Amino acid sequence: MQGWRLNMEDSHVANVKFMGTQNKALFGVFDGHGGREVAIFCQNHYEEILEKEKQMEDQGQQQEWLRTSFLNVDVEIRKKEG
């Protein structure tokens, strides 16, 4: 039972009207491997971080949009630590 924990550390987001439109949805599960605090941070802030770079999605760069958003989560978490 490697990695087994007494409590679930995952969090999630489910938004069927992502960016205020009915033709976009956002569903995500954030695992707690970085700790419960990181999973909760992602639950509370990932949407706004993703929306900051929405021009990439508008330009058809979905893969880069997601990659950049994950890197930006790291940047924002590090700001909170300091």
PDB file of N, CA and C in Angstrom:
ATOM      1  N   MET A   1       0.832  -1.182   0.000  1.00  0.00           N
ATOM      2  CA  MET A   1       0.000   0.000   0.000  1.00  0.00           C
ATOM      3  C   MET A   1       0.878   1.247   0.000  1.00  0.00           C
ATOM      4  N   GLN A   2       1.777   1.279  -0.926  1.00  0.00           N
ATOM      5  CA  GLN A   2       2.687   2.409  -1.033  1.00  0.00           C
ATOM      6  C   GLN A   2       1.913   3.691  -1.326  1.00  0.00           C
ATOM      7  N   GLY A   3       2.206   4.725  -0.581  1.00  0.00           N
ATOM      8  CA  GLY A   3       1.555   6.005  -0.791  1.00  0.00           C
ATOM      9  C   GLY A   3       0.182   6.112  -0.167  1.00  0.00           C
ATOM     10  N   TRP A   4      -0.276   5.074   0.517  1.00  0.00           N
ATOM     11  CA  TRP A   4      -1.608   5.074   1.112  1.00  0.00           C
ATOM     12  C   TRP A   4      -1.673   6.102   2.229  1.00  0.00           C
ATOM     13  N   ARG A   5      -2.796   6.796   2.286  1.00  0.00           N
ATOM     14  CA  ARG A   5      -2.988   7.791   3.328  1.00  0.00           C
ATOM     15  C   ARG A   5      -4.326   7.561   4.010  1.00  0.00           C
ATOM     16  N   LEU A   6      -4.402   7.966   5.239  1.00  0.00           N
ATOM     17  CA  LEU A   6      -5.626   7.821   6.010  1.00  0.00           C
ATOM     18  C   LEU A   6      -6.737   8.714   5.458  1.00  0.00           C
ATOM     19  N   ASN A   7      -6.373   9.899   4.966  1.00  0.00           N
ATOM     20  CA  ASN A   7      -7.341  10.858   4.429  1.00  0.00           C
ATOM     21  C   ASN A   7      -7.076  11.121   2.955  1.00  0.00           C
ATOM     22  N   MET A   8      -8.139  11.394   2.211  1.00  0.00           N
ATOM     23  CA  MET A   8      -8.019  11.760   0.803  1.00  0.00           C
ATOM     24  C   MET A   8      -7.437  13.167   0.720  1.00  0.00           C
ATOM     25  N   GLU A   9      -6.426  13.342  -0.094  1.00  0.00           N
ATOM     26  CA  GLU A   9      -5.792  14.653  -0.236  1.00  0.00           C
ATOM     27  C   GLU A   9      -6.084  15.289  -1.583  1.00  0.00           C
ATOM     28  N   ASP A  10      -6.874  14.639  -2.402  1.00  0.00           N
ATOM     29  CA  ASP A  10      -7.201  15.180  -3.711  1.00  0.00           C
ATOM     30  C   ASP A  10      -8.276  16.265  -3.589  1.00  0.00           C
ATOM     31  N   SER A  11      -8.350  17.107  -4.602  1.00  0.00           N
ATOM     32  CA  SER A  11      -9.437  18.070  -4.715  1.00  0.00           C
ATOM     33  C   SER A  11      -9.838  18.115  -6.184  1.00  0.00           C
ATOM     34  N   HIS A  12     -10.904  18.825  -6.469  1.00  0.00           N
ATOM     35  CA  HIS A  12     -11.387  18.828  -7.851  1.00  0.00           C
ATOM     36  C   HIS A  12     -12.075  20.147  -8.185  1.00  0.00           C
ATOM     37  N   VAL A  13     -12.293  20.338  -9.462  1.00  0.00           N
ATOM     38  CA  VAL A  13     -13.085  21.461  -9.960  1.00  0.00           C
ATOM     39  C   VAL A  13     -13.991  20.920 -11.062  1.00  0.00           C
ATOM     40  N   ALA A  14     -15.213  21.400 -11.082  1.00  0.00           N
ATOM     41  CA  ALA A  14     -16.177  21.037 -12.126  1.00  0.00           C
ATOM     42  C   ALA A  14     -16.984  22.287 -12.450  1.00  0.00           C
ATOM     43  N   ASN A  15     -16.762  22.839 -13.626  1.00  0.00           N
ATOM     44  CA  ASN A  15     -17.439  24.061 -14.040  1.00  0.00           C
ATOM     45  C   ASN A  15     -17.977  23.856 -15.450  1.00  0.00           C
ATOM     46  N   VAL A  16     -19.290  23.752 -15.568  1.00  0.00           N
ATOM     47  CA  VAL A  16     -19.898  23.496 -16.878  1.00  0.00           C
ATOM     48  C   VAL A  16     -20.094  24.772 -17.685  1.00  0.00           C
ATOM     49  N   LYS A  17     -19.778  25.923 -17.110  1.00  0.00           N
ATOM     50  CA  LYS A  17     -19.854  27.207 -17.827  1.00  0.00           C
ATOM     51  C   LYS A  17     -18.525  27.938 -17.692  1.00  0.00           C
ATOM     52  N   PHE A  18     -17.462  27.249 -18.061  1.00  0.00           N
ATOM     53  CA  PHE A  18     -16.123  27.821 -17.944  1.00  0.00           C
ATOM     54  C   PHE A  18     -16.003  29.057 -18.818  1.00  0.00           C
ATOM     55  N   MET A  19     -15.410  30.085 -18.284  1.00  0.00           N
ATOM     56  CA  MET A  19     -15.240  31.388 -18.937  1.00  0.00           C
ATOM     57  C   MET A  19     -16.588  31.990 -19.329  1.00  0.00           C
ATOM     58  N   GLY A  20     -17.623  31.654 -18.557  1.00  0.00           N
ATOM     59  CA  GLY A  20     -18.924  32.265 -18.747  1.00  0.00           C
ATOM     60  C   GLY A  20     -19.687  31.832 -19.981  1.00  0.00           C
ATOM     61  N   THR A  21     -19.310  30.733 -20.586  1.00  0.00           N
ATOM     62  CA  THR A  21     -19.988  30.276 -21.790  1.00  0.00           C
ATOM     63  C   THR A  21     -20.464  28.842 -21.623  1.00  0.00           C
ATOM     64  N   GLN A  22     -21.540  28.505 -22.292  1.00  0.00           N
ATOM     65  CA  GLN A  22     -22.075  27.152 -22.182  1.00  0.00           C
ATOM     66  C   GLN A  22     -21.396  26.160 -23.122  1.00  0.00           C
ATOM     67  N   ASN A  23     -20.521  26.621 -24.002  1.00  0.00           N
ATOM     68  CA  ASN A  23     -19.853  25.692 -24.910  1.00  0.00           C
ATOM     69  C   ASN A  23     -18.440  25.320 -24.451  1.00  0.00           C
ATOM     70  N   LYS A  24     -18.085  25.722 -23.212  1.00  0.00           N
ATOM     71  CA  LYS A  24     -16.800  25.319 -22.633  1.00  0.00           C
ATOM     72  C   LYS A  24     -17.045  24.839 -21.212  1.00  0.00           C
ATOM     73  N   ALA A  25     -16.350  23.779 -20.845  1.00  0.00           N
ATOM     74  CA  ALA A  25     -16.437  23.248 -19.485  1.00  0.00           C
ATOM     75  C   ALA A  25     -15.033  22.929 -19.001  1.00  0.00           C
ATOM     76  N   LEU A  26     -14.863  22.963 -17.709  1.00  0.00           N
ATOM     77  CA  LEU A  26     -13.575  22.625 -17.110  1.00  0.00           C
ATOM     78  C   LEU A  26     -13.804  21.620 -16.000  1.00  0.00           C
ATOM     79  N   PHE A  27     -13.156  20.482 -16.126  1.00  0.00           N
ATOM     80  CA  PHE A  27     -13.191  19.446 -15.103  1.00  0.00           C
ATOM     81  C   PHE A  27     -11.749  19.083 -14.786  1.00  0.00           C
ATOM     82  N   GLY A  28     -11.414  19.033 -13.517  1.00  0.00           N
ATOM     83  CA  GLY A  28     -10.054  18.685 -13.146  1.00  0.00           C
ATOM     84  C   GLY A  28     -10.006  18.009 -11.793  1.00  0.00           C
ATOM     85  N   VAL A  29      -9.088  17.079 -11.662  1.00  0.00           N
ATOM     86  CA  VAL A  29      -8.813  16.440 -10.382  1.00  0.00           C
ATOM     87  C   VAL A  29      -7.349  16.744 -10.071  1.00  0.00           C
ATOM     88  N   PHE A  30      -7.121  17.293  -8.907  1.00  0.00           N
ATOM     89  CA  PHE A  30      -5.780  17.678  -8.494  1.00  0.00           C
ATOM     90  C   PHE A  30      -5.354  16.727  -7.382  1.00  0.00           C
ATOM     91  N   ASP A  31      -4.352  15.909  -7.682  1.00  0.00           N
ATOM     92  CA  ASP A  31      -3.956  14.909  -6.687  1.00  0.00           C
ATOM     93  C   ASP A  31      -3.159  15.558  -5.569  1.00  0.00           C
ATOM     94  N   GLY A  32      -3.186  14.941  -4.449  1.00  0.00           N
ATOM     95  CA  GLY A  32      -2.566  15.491  -3.254  1.00  0.00           C
ATOM     96  C   GLY A  32      -1.111  15.117  -3.072  1.00  0.00           C
ATOM     97  N   HIS A  33      -0.438  14.655  -4.126  1.00  0.00           N
ATOM     98  CA  HIS A  33       0.956  14.246  -3.978  1.00  0.00           C
ATOM     99  C   HIS A  33       1.853  15.402  -3.575  1.00  0.00           C
ATOM    100  N   GLY A  34       1.449  16.627  -3.925  1.00  0.00           N
ATOM    101  CA  GLY A  34       2.204  17.800  -3.493  1.00  0.00           C
ATOM    102  C   GLY A  34       1.747  18.299  -2.135  1.00  0.00           C
ATOM    103  N   GLY A  35       0.825  17.569  -1.531  1.00  0.00           N
ATOM    104  CA  GLY A  35       0.261  17.961  -0.245  1.00  0.00           C
ATOM    105  C   GLY A  35      -1.148  18.495  -0.423  1.00  0.00           C
ATOM    106  N   ARG A  36      -1.919  18.379   0.602  1.00  0.00           N
ATOM    107  CA  ARG A  36      -3.312  18.830   0.568  1.00  0.00           C
ATOM    108  C   ARG A  36      -3.408  20.317   0.209  1.00  0.00           C
ATOM    109  N   GLU A  37      -2.481  21.114   0.709  1.00  0.00           N
ATOM    110  CA  GLU A  37      -2.516  22.551   0.467  1.00  0.00           C
ATOM    111  C   GLU A  37      -2.385  22.874  -1.017  1.00  0.00           C
ATOM    112  N   VAL A  38      -1.559  22.129  -1.726  1.00  0.00           N
ATOM    113  CA  VAL A  38      -1.381  22.364  -3.154  1.00  0.00           C
ATOM    114  C   VAL A  38      -2.640  21.978  -3.925  1.00  0.00           C
ATOM    115  N   ALA A  39      -3.234  20.857  -3.573  1.00  0.00           N
ATOM    116  CA  ALA A  39      -4.466  20.427  -4.233  1.00  0.00           C
ATOM    117  C   ALA A  39      -5.579  21.450  -4.025  1.00  0.00           C
ATOM    118  N   ILE A  40      -5.710  21.958  -2.819  1.00  0.00           N
ATOM    119  CA  ILE A  40      -6.730  22.976  -2.515  1.00  0.00           C
ATOM    120  C   ILE A  40      -6.421  24.279  -3.246  1.00  0.00           C
ATOM    121  N   PHE A  41      -5.145  24.658  -3.309  1.00  0.00           N
ATOM    122  CA  PHE A  41      -4.756  25.860  -4.046  1.00  0.00           C
ATOM    123  C   PHE A  41      -5.208  25.744  -5.502  1.00  0.00           C
ATOM    124  N   CYS A  42      -4.957  24.599  -6.105  1.00  0.00           N
ATOM    125  CA  CYS A  42      -5.363  24.386  -7.496  1.00  0.00           C
ATOM    126  C   CYS A  42      -6.879  24.438  -7.645  1.00  0.00           C
ATOM    127  N   GLN A  43      -7.577  23.845  -6.715  1.00  0.00           N
ATOM    128  CA  GLN A  43      -9.041  23.885  -6.754  1.00  0.00           C
ATOM    129  C   GLN A  43      -9.538  25.333  -6.717  1.00  0.00           C
ATOM    130  N   ASN A  44      -8.918  26.159  -5.897  1.00  0.00           N
ATOM    131  CA  ASN A  44      -9.371  27.532  -5.710  1.00  0.00           C
ATOM    132  C   ASN A  44      -8.866  28.517  -6.754  1.00  0.00           C
ATOM    133  N   HIS A  45      -7.733  28.207  -7.416  1.00  0.00           N
ATOM    134  CA  HIS A  45      -7.107  29.210  -8.276  1.00  0.00           C
ATOM    135  C   HIS A  45      -6.844  28.785  -9.720  1.00  0.00           C
ATOM    136  N   TYR A  46      -6.981  27.502 -10.037  1.00  0.00           N
ATOM    137  CA  TYR A  46      -6.598  27.058 -11.383  1.00  0.00           C
ATOM    138  C   TYR A  46      -7.418  27.742 -12.482  1.00  0.00           C
ATOM    139  N   GLU A  47      -8.696  27.903 -12.263  1.00  0.00           N
ATOM    140  CA  GLU A  47      -9.529  28.529 -13.294  1.00  0.00           C
ATOM    141  C   GLU A  47      -9.042  29.930 -13.632  1.00  0.00           C
ATOM    142  N   GLU A  48      -8.769  30.741 -12.622  1.00  0.00           N
ATOM    143  CA  GLU A  48      -8.327  32.114 -12.886  1.00  0.00           C
ATOM    144  C   GLU A  48      -6.950  32.130 -13.546  1.00  0.00           C
ATOM    145  N   ILE A  49      -6.082  31.204 -13.153  1.00  0.00           N
ATOM    146  CA  ILE A  49      -4.761  31.107 -13.781  1.00  0.00           C
ATOM    147  C   ILE A  49      -4.914  30.716 -15.244  1.00  0.00           C
ATOM    148  N   LEU A  50      -5.788  29.778 -15.530  1.00  0.00           N
ATOM    149  CA  LEU A  50      -6.038  29.338 -16.907  1.00  0.00           C
ATOM    150  C   LEU A  50      -6.630  30.470 -17.739  1.00  0.00           C
ATOM    151  N   GLU A  51      -7.541  31.220 -17.162  1.00  0.00           N
ATOM    152  CA  GLU A  51      -8.191  32.313 -17.890  1.00  0.00           C
ATOM    153  C   GLU A  51      -7.227  33.436 -18.256  1.00  0.00           C
ATOM    154  N   LYS A  52      -6.172  33.639 -17.457  1.00  0.00           N
ATOM    155  CA  LYS A  52      -5.202  34.703 -17.739  1.00  0.00           C
ATOM    156  C   LYS A  52      -4.529  34.526 -19.096  1.00  0.00           C
ATOM    157  N   GLU A  53      -4.415  33.297 -19.557  1.00  0.00           N
ATOM    158  CA  GLU A  53      -3.741  33.001 -20.831  1.00  0.00           C
ATOM    159  C   GLU A  53      -4.735  32.555 -21.902  1.00  0.00           C
ATOM    160  N   LYS A  54      -6.005  32.977 -21.787  1.00  0.00           N
ATOM    161  CA  LYS A  54      -7.036  32.479 -22.704  1.00  0.00           C
ATOM    162  C   LYS A  54      -6.792  32.848 -24.158  1.00  0.00           C
ATOM    163  N   GLN A  55      -5.957  33.848 -24.431  1.00  0.00           N
ATOM    164  CA  GLN A  55      -5.661  34.193 -25.823  1.00  0.00           C
ATOM    165  C   GLN A  55      -5.014  33.023 -26.553  1.00  0.00           C
ATOM    166  N   MET A  56      -4.285  32.174 -25.834  1.00  0.00           N
ATOM    167  CA  MET A  56      -3.679  30.995 -26.459  1.00  0.00           C
ATOM    168  C   MET A  56      -4.763  30.043 -26.958  1.00  0.00           C
ATOM    169  N   GLU A  57      -5.793  29.863 -26.176  1.00  0.00           N
ATOM    170  CA  GLU A  57      -6.898  28.996 -26.584  1.00  0.00           C
ATOM    171  C   GLU A  57      -7.607  29.600 -27.784  1.00  0.00           C
ATOM    172  N   ASP A  58      -7.804  30.911 -27.752  1.00  0.00           N
ATOM    173  CA  ASP A  58      -8.445  31.611 -28.863  1.00  0.00           C
ATOM    174  C   ASP A  58      -7.648  31.453 -30.159  1.00  0.00           C
ATOM    175  N   GLN A  59      -6.333  31.318 -30.045  1.00  0.00           N
ATOM    176  CA  GLN A  59      -5.451  31.167 -31.204  1.00  0.00           C
ATOM    177  C   GLN A  59      -5.259  29.707 -31.607  1.00  0.00           C
ATOM    178  N   GLY A  60      -5.974  28.802 -30.961  1.00  0.00           N
ATOM    179  CA  GLY A  60      -5.889  27.385 -31.299  1.00  0.00           C
ATOM    180  C   GLY A  60      -4.695  26.665 -30.714  1.00  0.00           C
ATOM    181  N   GLN A  61      -4.082  27.235 -29.705  1.00  0.00           N
ATOM    182  CA  GLN A  61      -2.889  26.648 -29.075  1.00  0.00           C
ATOM    183  C   GLN A  61      -3.258  25.987 -27.751  1.00  0.00           C
ATOM    184  N   GLN A  62      -4.178  25.041 -27.784  1.00  0.00           N
ATOM    185  CA  GLN A  62      -4.689  24.432 -26.557  1.00  0.00           C
ATOM    186  C   GLN A  62      -3.611  23.727 -25.749  1.00  0.00           C
ATOM    187  N   GLN A  63      -2.730  22.981 -26.404  1.00  0.00           N
ATOM    188  CA  GLN A  63      -1.681  22.262 -25.666  1.00  0.00           C
ATOM    189  C   GLN A  63      -0.759  23.234 -24.941  1.00  0.00           C
ATOM    190  N   GLU A  64      -0.340  24.277 -25.620  1.00  0.00           N
ATOM    191  CA  GLU A  64       0.547  25.264 -25.006  1.00  0.00           C
ATOM    192  C   GLU A  64      -0.183  26.028 -23.905  1.00  0.00           C
ATOM    193  N   TRP A  65      -1.467  26.273 -24.102  1.00  0.00           N
ATOM    194  CA  TRP A  65      -2.286  26.955 -23.098  1.00  0.00           C
ATOM    195  C   TRP A  65      -2.296  26.158 -21.794  1.00  0.00           C
ATOM    196  N   LEU A  66      -2.524  24.859 -21.890  1.00  0.00           N
ATOM    197  CA  LEU A  66      -2.537  24.015 -20.697  1.00  0.00           C
ATOM    198  C   LEU A  66      -1.152  23.913 -20.069  1.00  0.00           C
ATOM    199  N   ARG A  67      -0.129  23.725 -20.891  1.00  0.00           N
ATOM    200  CA  ARG A  67       1.231  23.614 -20.382  1.00  0.00           C
ATOM    201  C   ARG A  67       1.622  24.881 -19.622  1.00  0.00           C
ATOM    202  N   THR A  68       1.341  26.027 -20.207  1.00  0.00           N
ATOM    203  CA  THR A  68       1.657  27.298 -19.582  1.00  0.00           C
ATOM    204  C   THR A  68       0.886  27.482 -18.278  1.00  0.00           C
ATOM    205  N   SER A  69      -0.367  27.056 -18.272  1.00  0.00           N
ATOM    206  CA  SER A  69      -1.169  27.210 -17.054  1.00  0.00           C
ATOM    207  C   SER A  69      -0.599  26.386 -15.909  1.00  0.00           C
ATOM    208  N   PHE A  70      -0.110  25.183 -16.196  1.00  0.00           N
ATOM    209  CA  PHE A  70       0.479  24.356 -15.140  1.00  0.00           C
ATOM    210  C   PHE A  70       1.758  24.990 -14.594  1.00  0.00           C
ATOM    211  N   LEU A  71       2.563  25.550 -15.487  1.00  0.00           N
ATOM    212  CA  LEU A  71       3.774  26.244 -15.045  1.00  0.00           C
ATOM    213  C   LEU A  71       3.420  27.476 -14.210  1.00  0.00           C
ATOM    214  N   ASN A  72       2.351  28.164 -14.594  1.00  0.00           N
ATOM    215  CA  ASN A  72       1.926  29.349 -13.852  1.00  0.00           C
ATOM    216  C   ASN A  72       1.377  28.995 -12.470  1.00  0.00           C
ATOM    217  N   VAL A  73       0.810  27.811 -12.317  1.00  0.00           N
ATOM    218  CA  VAL A  73       0.392  27.354 -10.986  1.00  0.00           C
ATOM    219  C   VAL A  73       1.620  27.288 -10.088  1.00  0.00           C
ATOM    220  N   ASP A  74       2.718  26.728 -10.593  1.00  0.00           N
ATOM    221  CA  ASP A  74       3.949  26.660  -9.801  1.00  0.00           C
ATOM    222  C   ASP A  74       4.423  28.052  -9.402  1.00  0.00           C
ATOM    223  N   VAL A  75       4.378  29.004 -10.338  1.00  0.00           N
ATOM    224  CA  VAL A  75       4.807  30.363 -10.055  1.00  0.00           C
ATOM    225  C   VAL A  75       3.951  30.977  -8.951  1.00  0.00           C
ATOM    226  N   GLU A  76       2.649  30.816  -9.059  1.00  0.00           N
ATOM    227  CA  GLU A  76       1.736  31.406  -8.062  1.00  0.00           C
ATOM    228  C   GLU A  76       1.902  30.766  -6.694  1.00  0.00           C
ATOM    229  N   ILE A  77       2.103  29.456  -6.646  1.00  0.00           N
ATOM    230  CA  ILE A  77       2.318  28.791  -5.357  1.00  0.00           C
ATOM    231  C   ILE A  77       3.601  29.292  -4.706  1.00  0.00           C
ATOM    232  N   ARG A  78       4.630  29.473  -5.502  1.00  0.00           N
ATOM    233  CA  ARG A  78       5.909  29.968  -4.948  1.00  0.00           C
ATOM    234  C   ARG A  78       5.759  31.395  -4.406  1.00  0.00           C
ATOM    235  N   LYS A  79       4.903  32.208  -5.037  1.00  0.00           N
ATOM    236  CA  LYS A  79       4.644  33.557  -4.522  1.00  0.00           C
ATOM    237  C   LYS A  79       3.991  33.487  -3.145  1.00  0.00           C
ATOM    238  N   LYS A  80       3.103  32.531  -2.959  1.00  0.00           N
ATOM    239  CA  LYS A  80       2.390  32.382  -1.686  1.00  0.00           C
ATOM    240  C   LYS A  80       3.336  31.909  -0.581  1.00  0.00           C
ATOM    241  N   GLU A  81       4.358  31.115  -0.981  1.00  0.00           N
ATOM    242  CA  GLU A  81       5.306  30.593   0.008  1.00  0.00           C
ATOM    243  C   GLU A  81       6.177  31.702   0.586  1.00  0.00           C
ATOM    244  N   GLY A  82       6.524  32.668  -0.273  1.00  0.00           N
ATOM    245  CA  GLY A  82       7.476  33.705   0.124  1.00  0.00           C
ATOM    246  C   GLY A  82       6.855  34.788   0.866  1.00  0.00           C
TER     247      GLY A  82
END
